[in-house]
Amino acid sequence: MNFENVRIEITDASVMFLCIALVVVCIIICDTVERIKNKP
């Protein structure tokens, strides 16, 4: 039972980290696309 609780906590932390990472990646991609569009 204790292991299951730890797993849930780790999963929640992983989901939070993945969500933050996805947001950062999206911002970087959008910024890169805008730079590429502005260059030509």
PDB file of N, CA and C in Angstrom:
ATOM      1  N   MET A   1       0.841  -1.200   0.000  1.00  0.00           N
ATOM      2  CA  MET A   1       0.000   0.000   0.000  1.00  0.00           C
ATOM      3  C   MET A   1       0.877   1.251   0.000  1.00  0.00           C
ATOM      4  N   ASN A   2       1.907   1.238   0.805  1.00  0.00           N
ATOM      5  CA  ASN A   2       2.794   2.404   0.873  1.00  0.00           C
ATOM      6  C   ASN A   2       3.451   2.662  -0.479  1.00  0.00           C
ATOM      7  N   PHE A   3       3.858   1.583  -1.152  1.00  0.00           N
ATOM      8  CA  PHE A   3       4.496   1.753  -2.458  1.00  0.00           C
ATOM      9  C   PHE A   3       3.517   2.398  -3.446  1.00  0.00           C
ATOM     10  N   GLU A   4       2.259   2.009  -3.377  1.00  0.00           N
ATOM     11  CA  GLU A   4       1.261   2.592  -4.286  1.00  0.00           C
ATOM     12  C   GLU A   4       1.138   4.093  -4.031  1.00  0.00           C
ATOM     13  N   ASN A   5       1.143   4.496  -2.770  1.00  0.00           N
ATOM     14  CA  ASN A   5       1.044   5.926  -2.441  1.00  0.00           C
ATOM     15  C   ASN A   5       2.247   6.676  -3.004  1.00  0.00           C
ATOM     16  N   VAL A   6       3.423   6.095  -2.875  1.00  0.00           N
ATOM     17  CA  VAL A   6       4.638   6.735  -3.385  1.00  0.00           C
ATOM     18  C   VAL A   6       4.552   6.850  -4.908  1.00  0.00           C
ATOM     19  N   ARG A   7       4.066   5.794  -5.541  1.00  0.00           N
ATOM     20  CA  ARG A   7       3.933   5.809  -7.006  1.00  0.00           C
ATOM     21  C   ARG A   7       3.014   6.938  -7.441  1.00  0.00           C
ATOM     22  N   ILE A   8       1.899   7.095  -6.740  1.00  0.00           N
ATOM     23  CA  ILE A   8       0.946   8.149  -7.098  1.00  0.00           C
ATOM     24  C   ILE A   8       1.619   9.515  -6.956  1.00  0.00           C
ATOM     25  N   GLU A   9       2.369   9.710  -5.885  1.00  0.00           N
ATOM     26  CA  GLU A   9       3.047  10.994  -5.668  1.00  0.00           C
ATOM     27  C   GLU A   9       4.055  11.252  -6.788  1.00  0.00           C
ATOM     28  N   ILE A  10       4.840  10.212  -7.126  1.00  0.00           N
ATOM     29  CA  ILE A  10       5.834  10.360  -8.196  1.00  0.00           C
ATOM     30  C   ILE A  10       5.124  10.653  -9.527  1.00  0.00           C
ATOM     31  N   THR A  11       4.002   9.983  -9.766  1.00  0.00           N
ATOM     32  CA  THR A  11       3.258  10.202 -11.010  1.00  0.00           C
ATOM     33  C   THR A  11       2.767  11.642 -11.076  1.00  0.00           C
ATOM     34  N   ASP A  12       2.207  12.146  -9.971  1.00  0.00           N
ATOM     35  CA  ASP A  12       1.714  13.524  -9.950  1.00  0.00           C
ATOM     36  C   ASP A  12       2.861  14.490 -10.233  1.00  0.00           C
ATOM     37  N   ALA A  13       4.003  14.270  -9.600  1.00  0.00           N
ATOM     38  CA  ALA A  13       5.156  15.149  -9.813  1.00  0.00           C
ATOM     39  C   ALA A  13       5.615  15.059 -11.265  1.00  0.00           C
ATOM     40  N   SER A  14       5.603  13.854 -11.824  1.00  0.00           N
ATOM     41  CA  SER A  14       6.031  13.679 -13.215  1.00  0.00           C
ATOM     42  C   SER A  14       5.075  14.412 -14.157  1.00  0.00           C
ATOM     43  N   VAL A  15       3.776  14.322 -13.879  1.00  0.00           N
ATOM     44  CA  VAL A  15       2.791  15.005 -14.727  1.00  0.00           C
ATOM     45  C   VAL A  15       3.010  16.508 -14.659  1.00  0.00           C
ATOM     46  N   MET A  16       3.227  17.032 -13.449  1.00  0.00           N
ATOM     47  CA  MET A  16       3.472  18.481 -13.291  1.00  0.00           C
ATOM     48  C   MET A  16       4.711  18.866 -14.096  1.00  0.00           C
ATOM     49  N   PHE A  17       5.786  18.068 -13.962  1.00  0.00           N
ATOM     50  CA  PHE A  17       7.034  18.366 -14.669  1.00  0.00           C
ATOM     51  C   PHE A  17       6.831  18.298 -16.176  1.00  0.00           C
ATOM     52  N   LEU A  18       6.101  17.278 -16.635  1.00  0.00           N
ATOM     53  CA  LEU A  18       5.860  17.140 -18.079  1.00  0.00           C
ATOM     54  C   LEU A  18       5.049  18.317 -18.603  1.00  0.00           C
ATOM     55  N   CYS A  19       4.036  18.754 -17.843  1.00  0.00           N
ATOM     56  CA  CYS A  19       3.211  19.886 -18.288  1.00  0.00           C
ATOM     57  C   CYS A  19       4.072  21.141 -18.414  1.00  0.00           C
ATOM     58  N   ILE A  20       4.912  21.395 -17.411  1.00  0.00           N
ATOM     59  CA  ILE A  20       5.785  22.584 -17.449  1.00  0.00           C
ATOM     60  C   ILE A  20       6.749  22.464 -18.631  1.00  0.00           C
ATOM     61  N   ALA A  21       7.312  21.278 -18.827  1.00  0.00           N
ATOM     62  CA  ALA A  21       8.259  21.067 -19.931  1.00  0.00           C
ATOM     63  C   ALA A  21       7.573  21.298 -21.276  1.00  0.00           C
ATOM     64  N   LEU A  22       6.327  20.807 -21.416  1.00  0.00           N
ATOM     65  CA  LEU A  22       5.596  21.001 -22.681  1.00  0.00           C
ATOM     66  C   LEU A  22       5.356  22.476 -22.944  1.00  0.00           C
ATOM     67  N   VAL A  23       4.996  23.222 -21.907  1.00  0.00           N
ATOM     68  CA  VAL A  23       4.754  24.663 -22.076  1.00  0.00           C
ATOM     69  C   VAL A  23       6.040  25.355 -22.519  1.00  0.00           C
ATOM     70  N   VAL A  24       7.158  25.018 -21.881  1.00  0.00           N
ATOM     71  CA  VAL A  24       8.440  25.640 -22.233  1.00  0.00           C
ATOM     72  C   VAL A  24       8.803  25.299 -23.680  1.00  0.00           C
ATOM     73  N   VAL A  25       8.625  24.029 -24.066  1.00  0.00           N
ATOM     74  CA  VAL A  25       8.949  23.611 -25.439  1.00  0.00           C
ATOM     75  C   VAL A  25       8.069  24.364 -26.439  1.00  0.00           C
ATOM     76  N   CYS A  26       6.780  24.502 -26.125  1.00  0.00           N
ATOM     77  CA  CYS A  26       5.863  25.215 -27.033  1.00  0.00           C
ATOM     78  C   CYS A  26       6.311  26.666 -27.199  1.00  0.00           C
ATOM     79  N   ILE A  27       6.712  27.305 -26.093  1.00  0.00           N
ATOM     80  CA  ILE A  27       7.160  28.701 -26.163  1.00  0.00           C
ATOM     81  C   ILE A  27       8.414  28.797 -27.036  1.00  0.00           C
ATOM     82  N   ILE A  28       9.349  27.864 -26.851  1.00  0.00           N
ATOM     83  CA  ILE A  28      10.594  27.886 -27.640  1.00  0.00           C
ATOM     84  C   ILE A  28      10.270  27.676 -29.127  1.00  0.00           C
ATOM     85  N   ILE A  29       9.386  26.720 -29.426  1.00  0.00           N
ATOM     86  CA  ILE A  29       9.030  26.450 -30.827  1.00  0.00           C
ATOM     87  C   ILE A  29       8.362  27.675 -31.449  1.00  0.00           C
ATOM     88  N   CYS A  30       7.407  28.276 -30.721  1.00  0.00           N
ATOM     89  CA  CYS A  30       6.719  29.465 -31.248  1.00  0.00           C
ATOM     90  C   CYS A  30       7.722  30.590 -31.497  1.00  0.00           C
ATOM     91  N   ASP A  31       8.645  30.797 -30.561  1.00  0.00           N
ATOM     92  CA  ASP A  31       9.640  31.853 -30.719  1.00  0.00           C
ATOM     93  C   ASP A  31      10.527  31.569 -31.928  1.00  0.00           C
ATOM     94  N   THR A  32      10.934  30.313 -32.101  1.00  0.00           N
ATOM     95  CA  THR A  32      11.776  29.946 -33.243  1.00  0.00           C
ATOM     96  C   THR A  32      11.024  30.150 -34.556  1.00  0.00           C
ATOM     97  N   VAL A  33       9.765  29.755 -34.605  1.00  0.00           N
ATOM     98  CA  VAL A  33       8.961  29.915 -35.833  1.00  0.00           C
ATOM     99  C   VAL A  33       8.840  31.400 -36.178  1.00  0.00           C
ATOM    100  N   GLU A  34       8.597  32.229 -35.184  1.00  0.00           N
ATOM    101  CA  GLU A  34       8.478  33.666 -35.442  1.00  0.00           C
ATOM    102  C   GLU A  34       9.794  34.223 -35.987  1.00  0.00           C
ATOM    103  N   ARG A  35      10.923  33.778 -35.433  1.00  0.00           N
ATOM    104  CA  ARG A  35      12.227  34.253 -35.915  1.00  0.00           C
ATOM    105  C   ARG A  35      12.438  33.833 -37.367  1.00  0.00           C
ATOM    106  N   ILE A  36      12.096  32.571 -37.687  1.00  0.00           N
ATOM    107  CA  ILE A  36      12.272  32.082 -39.061  1.00  0.00           C
ATOM    108  C   ILE A  36      11.380  32.891 -40.017  1.00  0.00           C
ATOM    109  N   LYS A  37      10.155  33.173 -39.603  1.00  0.00           N
ATOM    110  CA  LYS A  37       9.245  33.943 -40.461  1.00  0.00           C
ATOM    111  C   LYS A  37       9.764  35.364 -40.661  1.00  0.00           C
ATOM    112  N   ASN A  38      10.364  35.953 -39.642  1.00  0.00           N
ATOM    113  CA  ASN A  38      10.824  37.340 -39.728  1.00  0.00           C
ATOM    114  C   ASN A  38      12.133  37.470 -40.522  1.00  0.00           C
ATOM    115  N   LYS A  39      12.938  36.403 -40.592  1.00  0.00           N
ATOM    116  CA  LYS A  39      14.233  36.489 -41.291  1.00  0.00           C
ATOM    117  C   LYS A  39      14.077  36.826 -42.776  1.00  0.00           C
ATOM    118  N   PRO A  40      13.275  36.091 -43.548  1.00  0.00           N
ATOM    119  CA  PRO A  40      13.149  36.409 -44.985  1.00  0.00           C
ATOM    120  C   PRO A  40      12.457  37.760 -45.176  1.00  0.00           C
TER     121      PRO A  40
END
